[in-house]
Amino acid sequence: MTNVTFKKHADLVDRMANTLGVDLEEVMMEGRMTMDQLGDAVLSCTGCSCPGDCETWLAARQGSADEAPDYCRNADMLVRLREGKTA
């Protein structure tokens, strides 16, 4: 995996979190998610076969959505974080 690929998916994870109302930096400062867990989420995202669809989905939502698309590998974790739980 290239550094460019990792950065692209890190951006997708961050954008998906923000779109679902989750501030990953805040969640980590609260201790509800570790750097390792964030790294695992990004690695999971790199295995997705739909990153282009994800970019299109995110652009169409303009920063706000109640649910991630069905194919999002991090959807359950992001919902837990939004509900105030740990990753």
PDB file of N, CA and C in Angstrom:
ATOM      1  N   MET A   1       0.855  -1.175   0.000  1.00  0.00           N
ATOM      2  CA  MET A   1       0.000   0.000   0.000  1.00  0.00           C
ATOM      3  C   MET A   1       0.903   1.240   0.000  1.00  0.00           C
ATOM      4  N   THR A   2       0.548   2.177  -0.831  1.00  0.00           N
ATOM      5  CA  THR A   2       1.337   3.400  -0.907  1.00  0.00           C
ATOM      6  C   THR A   2       0.878   4.409   0.132  1.00  0.00           C
ATOM      7  N   ASN A   3       1.730   5.358   0.410  1.00  0.00           N
ATOM      8  CA  ASN A   3       1.399   6.437   1.334  1.00  0.00           C
ATOM      9  C   ASN A   3       0.213   7.251   0.812  1.00  0.00           C
ATOM     10  N   VAL A   4       0.146   7.410  -0.520  1.00  0.00           N
ATOM     11  CA  VAL A   4      -0.967   8.154  -1.131  1.00  0.00           C
ATOM     12  C   VAL A   4      -2.286   7.428  -0.874  1.00  0.00           C
ATOM     13  N   THR A   5      -2.283   6.109  -1.018  1.00  0.00           N
ATOM     14  CA  THR A   5      -3.492   5.319  -0.767  1.00  0.00           C
ATOM     15  C   THR A   5      -3.925   5.462   0.683  1.00  0.00           C
ATOM     16  N   PHE A   6      -2.976   5.348   1.608  1.00  0.00           N
ATOM     17  CA  PHE A   6      -3.295   5.464   3.025  1.00  0.00           C
ATOM     18  C   PHE A   6      -3.878   6.845   3.332  1.00  0.00           C
ATOM     19  N   LYS A   7      -3.266   7.886   2.797  1.00  0.00           N
ATOM     20  CA  LYS A   7      -3.759   9.250   3.041  1.00  0.00           C
ATOM     21  C   LYS A   7      -5.159   9.440   2.465  1.00  0.00           C
ATOM     22  N   LYS A   8      -5.396   8.880   1.276  1.00  0.00           N
ATOM     23  CA  LYS A   8      -6.718   9.000   0.647  1.00  0.00           C
ATOM     24  C   LYS A   8      -7.783   8.371   1.544  1.00  0.00           C
ATOM     25  N   HIS A   9      -7.490   7.197   2.067  1.00  0.00           N
ATOM     26  CA  HIS A   9      -8.473   6.502   2.898  1.00  0.00           C
ATOM     27  C   HIS A   9      -8.582   7.128   4.287  1.00  0.00           C
ATOM     28  N   ALA A  10      -7.488   7.690   4.800  1.00  0.00           N
ATOM     29  CA  ALA A  10      -7.569   8.426   6.063  1.00  0.00           C
ATOM     30  C   ALA A  10      -8.515   9.609   5.897  1.00  0.00           C
ATOM     31  N   ASP A  11      -8.423  10.273   4.753  1.00  0.00           N
ATOM     32  CA  ASP A  11      -9.322  11.388   4.461  1.00  0.00           C
ATOM     33  C   ASP A  11     -10.769  10.909   4.360  1.00  0.00           C
ATOM     34  N   LEU A  12     -10.992   9.773   3.698  1.00  0.00           N
ATOM     35  CA  LEU A  12     -12.353   9.244   3.571  1.00  0.00           C
ATOM     36  C   LEU A  12     -12.936   8.903   4.944  1.00  0.00           C
ATOM     37  N   VAL A  13     -12.135   8.285   5.811  1.00  0.00           N
ATOM     38  CA  VAL A  13     -12.612   7.940   7.157  1.00  0.00           C
ATOM     39  C   VAL A  13     -12.978   9.213   7.914  1.00  0.00           C
ATOM     40  N   ASP A  14     -12.118  10.216   7.836  1.00  0.00           N
ATOM     41  CA  ASP A  14     -12.380  11.479   8.537  1.00  0.00           C
ATOM     42  C   ASP A  14     -13.631  12.160   7.990  1.00  0.00           C
ATOM     43  N   ARG A  15     -13.769  12.204   6.676  1.00  0.00           N
ATOM     44  CA  ARG A  15     -14.941  12.828   6.065  1.00  0.00           C
ATOM     45  C   ARG A  15     -16.221  12.067   6.410  1.00  0.00           C
ATOM     46  N   MET A  16     -16.153  10.729   6.410  1.00  0.00           N
ATOM     47  CA  MET A  16     -17.333   9.928   6.761  1.00  0.00           C
ATOM     48  C   MET A  16     -17.712  10.195   8.216  1.00  0.00           C
ATOM     49  N   ALA A  17     -16.723  10.231   9.089  1.00  0.00           N
ATOM     50  CA  ALA A  17     -16.999  10.512  10.500  1.00  0.00           C
ATOM     51  C   ALA A  17     -17.661  11.876  10.647  1.00  0.00           C
ATOM     52  N   ASN A  18     -17.094  12.881  10.025  1.00  0.00           N
ATOM     53  CA  ASN A  18     -17.664  14.232  10.112  1.00  0.00           C
ATOM     54  C   ASN A  18     -19.075  14.268   9.561  1.00  0.00           C
ATOM     55  N   THR A  19     -19.312  13.584   8.460  1.00  0.00           N
ATOM     56  CA  THR A  19     -20.638  13.554   7.841  1.00  0.00           C
ATOM     57  C   THR A  19     -21.665  12.923   8.777  1.00  0.00           C
ATOM     58  N   LEU A  20     -21.199  11.966   9.582  1.00  0.00           N
ATOM     59  CA  LEU A  20     -22.096  11.298  10.525  1.00  0.00           C
ATOM     60  C   LEU A  20     -22.134  12.001  11.881  1.00  0.00           C
ATOM     61  N   GLY A  21     -21.444  13.123  11.988  1.00  0.00           N
ATOM     62  CA  GLY A  21     -21.482  13.896  13.220  1.00  0.00           C
ATOM     63  C   GLY A  21     -20.482  13.458  14.276  1.00  0.00           C
ATOM     64  N   VAL A  22     -19.396  12.821  13.842  1.00  0.00           N
ATOM     65  CA  VAL A  22     -18.369  12.348  14.765  1.00  0.00           C
ATOM     66  C   VAL A  22     -17.089  13.133  14.521  1.00  0.00           C
ATOM     67  N   ASP A  23     -16.584  13.756  15.567  1.00  0.00           N
ATOM     68  CA  ASP A  23     -15.308  14.472  15.515  1.00  0.00           C
ATOM     69  C   ASP A  23     -14.245  13.523  16.056  1.00  0.00           C
ATOM     70  N   LEU A  24     -13.463  12.920  15.158  1.00  0.00           N
ATOM     71  CA  LEU A  24     -12.499  11.903  15.575  1.00  0.00           C
ATOM     72  C   LEU A  24     -11.452  12.452  16.537  1.00  0.00           C
ATOM     73  N   GLU A  25     -11.034  13.677  16.345  1.00  0.00           N
ATOM     74  CA  GLU A  25     -10.049  14.262  17.256  1.00  0.00           C
ATOM     75  C   GLU A  25     -10.622  14.363  18.665  1.00  0.00           C
ATOM     76  N   GLU A  26     -11.848  14.823  18.771  1.00  0.00           N
ATOM     77  CA  GLU A  26     -12.509  14.940  20.074  1.00  0.00           C
ATOM     78  C   GLU A  26     -12.686  13.571  20.714  1.00  0.00           C
ATOM     79  N   VAL A  27     -13.124  12.601  19.920  1.00  0.00           N
ATOM     80  CA  VAL A  27     -13.340  11.234  20.413  1.00  0.00           C
ATOM     81  C   VAL A  27     -12.038  10.666  20.972  1.00  0.00           C
ATOM     82  N   MET A  28     -10.935  10.933  20.294  1.00  0.00           N
ATOM     83  CA  MET A  28      -9.653  10.428  20.771  1.00  0.00           C
ATOM     84  C   MET A  28      -9.215  11.159  22.045  1.00  0.00           C
ATOM     85  N   MET A  29      -9.458  12.456  22.119  1.00  0.00           N
ATOM     86  CA  MET A  29      -9.106  13.205  23.330  1.00  0.00           C
ATOM     87  C   MET A  29      -9.937  12.735  24.523  1.00  0.00           C
ATOM     88  N   GLU A  30     -11.158  12.286  24.265  1.00  0.00           N
ATOM     89  CA  GLU A  30     -12.026  11.764  25.319  1.00  0.00           C
ATOM     90  C   GLU A  30     -11.635  10.344  25.726  1.00  0.00           C
ATOM     91  N   GLY A  31     -10.749   9.714  24.967  1.00  0.00           N
ATOM     92  CA  GLY A  31     -10.313   8.361  25.274  1.00  0.00           C
ATOM     93  C   GLY A  31     -11.245   7.273  24.785  1.00  0.00           C
ATOM     94  N   ARG A  32     -12.158   7.633  23.899  1.00  0.00           N
ATOM     95  CA  ARG A  32     -13.100   6.633  23.385  1.00  0.00           C
ATOM     96  C   ARG A  32     -12.574   5.913  22.151  1.00  0.00           C
ATOM     97  N   MET A  33     -11.421   6.353  21.652  1.00  0.00           N
ATOM     98  CA  MET A  33     -10.787   5.722  20.493  1.00  0.00           C
ATOM     99  C   MET A  33      -9.287   5.960  20.608  1.00  0.00           C
ATOM    100  N   THR A  34      -8.505   4.923  20.281  1.00  0.00           N
ATOM    101  CA  THR A  34      -7.055   5.050  20.319  1.00  0.00           C
ATOM    102  C   THR A  34      -6.516   5.295  18.909  1.00  0.00           C
ATOM    103  N   MET A  35      -5.268   5.714  18.849  1.00  0.00           N
ATOM    104  CA  MET A  35      -4.617   5.883  17.538  1.00  0.00           C
ATOM    105  C   MET A  35      -4.584   4.555  16.785  1.00  0.00           C
ATOM    106  N   ASP A  36      -4.350   3.457  17.507  1.00  0.00           N
ATOM    107  CA  ASP A  36      -4.342   2.142  16.856  1.00  0.00           C
ATOM    108  C   ASP A  36      -5.706   1.819  16.253  1.00  0.00           C
ATOM    109  N   GLN A  37      -6.774   2.152  16.964  1.00  0.00           N
ATOM    110  CA  GLN A  37      -8.112   1.893  16.437  1.00  0.00           C
ATOM    111  C   GLN A  37      -8.394   2.753  15.213  1.00  0.00           C
ATOM    112  N   LEU A  38      -7.927   3.982  15.237  1.00  0.00           N
ATOM    113  CA  LEU A  38      -8.090   4.839  14.066  1.00  0.00           C
ATOM    114  C   LEU A  38      -7.302   4.274  12.894  1.00  0.00           C
ATOM    115  N   GLY A  39      -6.091   3.835  13.152  1.00  0.00           N
ATOM    116  CA  GLY A  39      -5.291   3.212  12.098  1.00  0.00           C
ATOM    117  C   GLY A  39      -5.972   1.977  11.538  1.00  0.00           C
ATOM    118  N   ASP A  40      -6.564   1.166  12.411  1.00  0.00           N
ATOM    119  CA  ASP A  40      -7.300  -0.019  11.962  1.00  0.00           C
ATOM    120  C   ASP A  40      -8.488   0.364  11.088  1.00  0.00           C
ATOM    121  N   ALA A  41      -9.172   1.454  11.446  1.00  0.00           N
ATOM    122  CA  ALA A  41     -10.310   1.919  10.641  1.00  0.00           C
ATOM    123  C   ALA A  41      -9.848   2.341   9.248  1.00  0.00           C
ATOM    124  N   VAL A  42      -8.717   3.031   9.188  1.00  0.00           N
ATOM    125  CA  VAL A  42      -8.184   3.451   7.884  1.00  0.00           C
ATOM    126  C   VAL A  42      -7.764   2.227   7.081  1.00  0.00           C
ATOM    127  N   LEU A  43      -7.094   1.265   7.713  1.00  0.00           N
ATOM    128  CA  LEU A  43      -6.700   0.043   7.006  1.00  0.00           C
ATOM    129  C   LEU A  43      -7.924  -0.715   6.498  1.00  0.00           C
ATOM    130  N   SER A  44      -8.965  -0.762   7.300  1.00  0.00           N
ATOM    131  CA  SER A  44     -10.207  -1.405   6.870  1.00  0.00           C
ATOM    132  C   SER A  44     -10.764  -0.703   5.642  1.00  0.00           C
ATOM    133  N   CYS A  45     -10.712   0.607   5.663  1.00  0.00           N
ATOM    134  CA  CYS A  45     -11.199   1.402   4.530  1.00  0.00           C
ATOM    135  C   CYS A  45     -10.400   1.110   3.261  1.00  0.00           C
ATOM    136  N   THR A  46      -9.093   0.875   3.395  1.00  0.00           N
ATOM    137  CA  THR A  46      -8.276   0.604   2.205  1.00  0.00           C
ATOM    138  C   THR A  46      -8.700  -0.688   1.512  1.00  0.00           C
ATOM    139  N   GLY A  47      -9.368  -1.582   2.247  1.00  0.00           N
ATOM    140  CA  GLY A  47      -9.839  -2.831   1.655  1.00  0.00           C
ATOM    141  C   GLY A  47     -11.182  -2.705   0.956  1.00  0.00           C
ATOM    142  N   CYS A  48     -11.764  -1.526   0.995  1.00  0.00           N
ATOM    143  CA  CYS A  48     -13.074  -1.305   0.371  1.00  0.00           C
ATOM    144  C   CYS A  48     -12.941  -1.287  -1.144  1.00  0.00           C
ATOM    145  N   SER A  49     -13.907  -1.871  -1.805  1.00  0.00           N
ATOM    146  CA  SER A  49     -13.905  -1.878  -3.270  1.00  0.00           C
ATOM    147  C   SER A  49     -14.686  -0.701  -3.846  1.00  0.00           C
ATOM    148  N   CYS A  50     -15.172   0.205  -2.997  1.00  0.00           N
ATOM    149  CA  CYS A  50     -16.030   1.296  -3.462  1.00  0.00           C
ATOM    150  C   CYS A  50     -15.540   2.696  -3.085  1.00  0.00           C
ATOM    151  N   PRO A  51     -14.235   2.978  -3.067  1.00  0.00           N
ATOM    152  CA  PRO A  51     -13.819   4.314  -2.626  1.00  0.00           C
ATOM    153  C   PRO A  51     -14.348   5.440  -3.516  1.00  0.00           C
ATOM    154  N   GLY A  52     -14.487   5.185  -4.804  1.00  0.00           N
ATOM    155  CA  GLY A  52     -15.053   6.205  -5.694  1.00  0.00           C
ATOM    156  C   GLY A  52     -16.509   6.470  -5.372  1.00  0.00           C
ATOM    157  N   ASP A  53     -17.251   5.396  -5.094  1.00  0.00           N
ATOM    158  CA  ASP A  53     -18.653   5.554  -4.703  1.00  0.00           C
ATOM    159  C   ASP A  53     -18.746   6.320  -3.389  1.00  0.00           C
ATOM    160  N   CYS A  54     -17.819   6.054  -2.488  1.00  0.00           N
ATOM    161  CA  CYS A  54     -17.798   6.736  -1.195  1.00  0.00           C
ATOM    162  C   CYS A  54     -17.572   8.236  -1.395  1.00  0.00           C
ATOM    163  N   GLU A  55     -16.619   8.591  -2.235  1.00  0.00           N
ATOM    164  CA  GLU A  55     -16.362  10.005  -2.505  1.00  0.00           C
ATOM    165  C   GLU A  55     -17.595  10.688  -3.071  1.00  0.00           C
ATOM    166  N   THR A  56     -18.286  10.025  -3.980  1.00  0.00           N
ATOM    167  CA  THR A  56     -19.507  10.570  -4.577  1.00  0.00           C
ATOM    168  C   THR A  56     -20.591  10.706  -3.520  1.00  0.00           C
ATOM    169  N   TRP A  57     -20.744   9.675  -2.684  1.00  0.00           N
ATOM    170  CA  TRP A  57     -21.756   9.688  -1.622  1.00  0.00           C
ATOM    171  C   TRP A  57     -21.490  10.843  -0.661  1.00  0.00           C
ATOM    172  N   LEU A  58     -20.235  10.996  -0.232  1.00  0.00           N
ATOM    173  CA  LEU A  58     -19.872  12.071   0.687  1.00  0.00           C
ATOM    174  C   LEU A  58     -20.134  13.447   0.078  1.00  0.00           C
ATOM    175  N   ALA A  59     -19.793  13.620  -1.183  1.00  0.00           N
ATOM    176  CA  ALA A  59     -20.000  14.909  -1.850  1.00  0.00           C
ATOM    177  C   ALA A  59     -21.485  15.244  -1.934  1.00  0.00           C
ATOM    178  N   ALA A  60     -22.317  14.242  -2.155  1.00  0.00           N
ATOM    179  CA  ALA A  60     -23.760  14.469  -2.285  1.00  0.00           C
ATOM    180  C   ALA A  60     -24.406  14.834  -0.949  1.00  0.00           C
ATOM    181  N   ARG A  61     -23.794  14.410   0.173  1.00  0.00           N
ATOM    182  CA  ARG A  61     -24.378  14.657   1.496  1.00  0.00           C
ATOM    183  C   ARG A  61     -23.989  16.026   2.036  1.00  0.00           C
ATOM    184  N   GLN A  62     -22.988  16.643   1.488  1.00  0.00           N
ATOM    185  CA  GLN A  62     -22.515  17.967   1.908  1.00  0.00           C
ATOM    186  C   GLN A  62     -22.320  18.057   3.421  1.00  0.00           C
ATOM    187  N   GLY A  63     -21.747  17.002   4.001  1.00  0.00           N
ATOM    188  CA  GLY A  63     -21.357  17.056   5.406  1.00  0.00           C
ATOM    189  C   GLY A  63     -22.380  16.630   6.425  1.00  0.00           C
ATOM    190  N   SER A  64     -23.504  16.041   6.010  1.00  0.00           N
ATOM    191  CA  SER A  64     -24.510  15.636   6.988  1.00  0.00           C
ATOM    192  C   SER A  64     -25.300  14.422   6.502  1.00  0.00           C
ATOM    193  N   ALA A  65     -25.307  13.383   7.341  1.00  0.00           N
ATOM    194  CA  ALA A  65     -26.087  12.186   7.037  1.00  0.00           C
ATOM    195  C   ALA A  65     -26.369  11.445   8.340  1.00  0.00           C
ATOM    196  N   ASP A  66     -27.452  10.693   8.371  1.00  0.00           N
ATOM    197  CA  ASP A  66     -27.809   9.911   9.547  1.00  0.00           C
ATOM    198  C   ASP A  66     -27.123   8.548   9.562  1.00  0.00           C
ATOM    199  N   GLU A  67     -26.849   8.004   8.376  1.00  0.00           N
ATOM    200  CA  GLU A  67     -26.262   6.669   8.268  1.00  0.00           C
ATOM    201  C   GLU A  67     -25.212   6.650   7.180  1.00  0.00           C
ATOM    202  N   ALA A  68     -24.221   5.791   7.361  1.00  0.00           N
ATOM    203  CA  ALA A  68     -23.212   5.560   6.327  1.00  0.00           C
ATOM    204  C   ALA A  68     -23.804   4.632   5.265  1.00  0.00           C
ATOM    205  N   PRO A  69     -23.226   4.620   4.081  1.00  0.00           N
ATOM    206  CA  PRO A  69     -23.717   3.682   3.069  1.00  0.00           C
ATOM    207  C   PRO A  69     -23.478   2.235   3.524  1.00  0.00           C
ATOM    208  N   ASP A  70     -24.257   1.322   2.993  1.00  0.00           N
ATOM    209  CA  ASP A  70     -24.192  -0.091   3.392  1.00  0.00           C
ATOM    210  C   ASP A  70     -22.795  -0.682   3.247  1.00  0.00           C
ATOM    211  N   TYR A  71     -22.044  -0.224   2.274  1.00  0.00           N
ATOM    212  CA  TYR A  71     -20.729  -0.818   2.020  1.00  0.00           C
ATOM    213  C   TYR A  71     -19.625  -0.275   2.926  1.00  0.00           C
ATOM    214  N   CYS A  72     -19.929   0.698   3.778  1.00  0.00           N
ATOM    215  CA  CYS A  72     -18.897   1.292   4.641  1.00  0.00           C
ATOM    216  C   CYS A  72     -18.445   0.280   5.687  1.00  0.00           C
ATOM    217  N   ARG A  73     -17.162  -0.028   5.672  1.00  0.00           N
ATOM    218  CA  ARG A  73     -16.596  -1.005   6.595  1.00  0.00           C
ATOM    219  C   ARG A  73     -16.490  -0.469   8.023  1.00  0.00           C
ATOM    220  N   ASN A  74     -16.650   0.822   8.204  1.00  0.00           N
ATOM    221  CA  ASN A  74     -16.526   1.436   9.527  1.00  0.00           C
ATOM    222  C   ASN A  74     -17.853   1.969  10.063  1.00  0.00           C
ATOM    223  N   ALA A  75     -18.931   1.666   9.402  1.00  0.00           N
ATOM    224  CA  ALA A  75     -20.236   2.226   9.769  1.00  0.00           C
ATOM    225  C   ALA A  75     -20.607   1.928  11.222  1.00  0.00           C
ATOM    226  N   ASP A  76     -20.480   0.680  11.649  1.00  0.00           N
ATOM    227  CA  ASP A  76     -20.882   0.311  13.012  1.00  0.00           C
ATOM    228  C   ASP A  76     -20.056   1.047  14.051  1.00  0.00           C
ATOM    229  N   MET A  77     -18.741   1.130  13.822  1.00  0.00           N
ATOM    230  CA  MET A  77     -17.870   1.823  14.755  1.00  0.00           C
ATOM    231  C   MET A  77     -18.239   3.297  14.840  1.00  0.00           C
ATOM    232  N   LEU A  78     -18.499   3.925  13.698  1.00  0.00           N
ATOM    233  CA  LEU A  78     -18.839   5.343  13.686  1.00  0.00           C
ATOM    234  C   LEU A  78     -20.171   5.605  14.392  1.00  0.00           C
ATOM    235  N   VAL A  79     -21.122   4.706  14.255  1.00  0.00           N
ATOM    236  CA  VAL A  79     -22.405   4.861  14.962  1.00  0.00           C
ATOM    237  C   VAL A  79     -22.179   4.744  16.463  1.00  0.00           C
ATOM    238  N   ARG A  80     -21.353   3.792  16.887  1.00  0.00           N
ATOM    239  CA  ARG A  80     -21.042   3.664  18.322  1.00  0.00           C
ATOM    240  C   ARG A  80     -20.435   4.952  18.858  1.00  0.00           C
ATOM    241  N   LEU A  81     -19.489   5.510  18.105  1.00  0.00           N
ATOM    242  CA  LEU A  81     -18.846   6.752  18.551  1.00  0.00           C
ATOM    243  C   LEU A  81     -19.847   7.891  18.624  1.00  0.00           C
ATOM    244  N   ARG A  82     -20.739   7.972  17.629  1.00  0.00           N
ATOM    245  CA  ARG A  82     -21.758   9.029  17.639  1.00  0.00           C
ATOM    246  C   ARG A  82     -22.686   8.895  18.842  1.00  0.00           C
ATOM    247  N   GLU A  83     -22.922   7.667  19.282  1.00  0.00           N
ATOM    248  CA  GLU A  83     -23.795   7.414  20.425  1.00  0.00           C
ATOM    249  C   GLU A  83     -23.073   7.601  21.761  1.00  0.00           C
ATOM    250  N   GLY A  84     -21.804   8.042  21.711  1.00  0.00           N
ATOM    251  CA  GLY A  84     -21.060   8.291  22.941  1.00  0.00           C
ATOM    252  C   GLY A  84     -20.351   7.083  23.498  1.00  0.00           C
ATOM    253  N   LYS A  85     -20.349   5.991  22.739  1.00  0.00           N
ATOM    254  CA  LYS A  85     -19.691   4.758  23.183  1.00  0.00           C
ATOM    255  C   LYS A  85     -18.245   4.758  22.700  1.00  0.00           C
ATOM    256  N   THR A  86     -17.526   3.694  23.051  1.00  0.00           N
ATOM    257  CA  THR A  86     -16.143   3.568  22.590  1.00  0.00           C
ATOM    258  C   THR A  86     -16.095   2.829  21.261  1.00  0.00           C
ATOM    259  N   ALA A  87     -14.987   3.030  20.565  1.00  0.00           N
ATOM    260  CA  ALA A  87     -14.808   2.386  19.266  1.00  0.00           C
ATOM    261  C   ALA A  87     -14.744   0.891  19.444  1.00  0.00           C
TER     262      ALA A  87
END
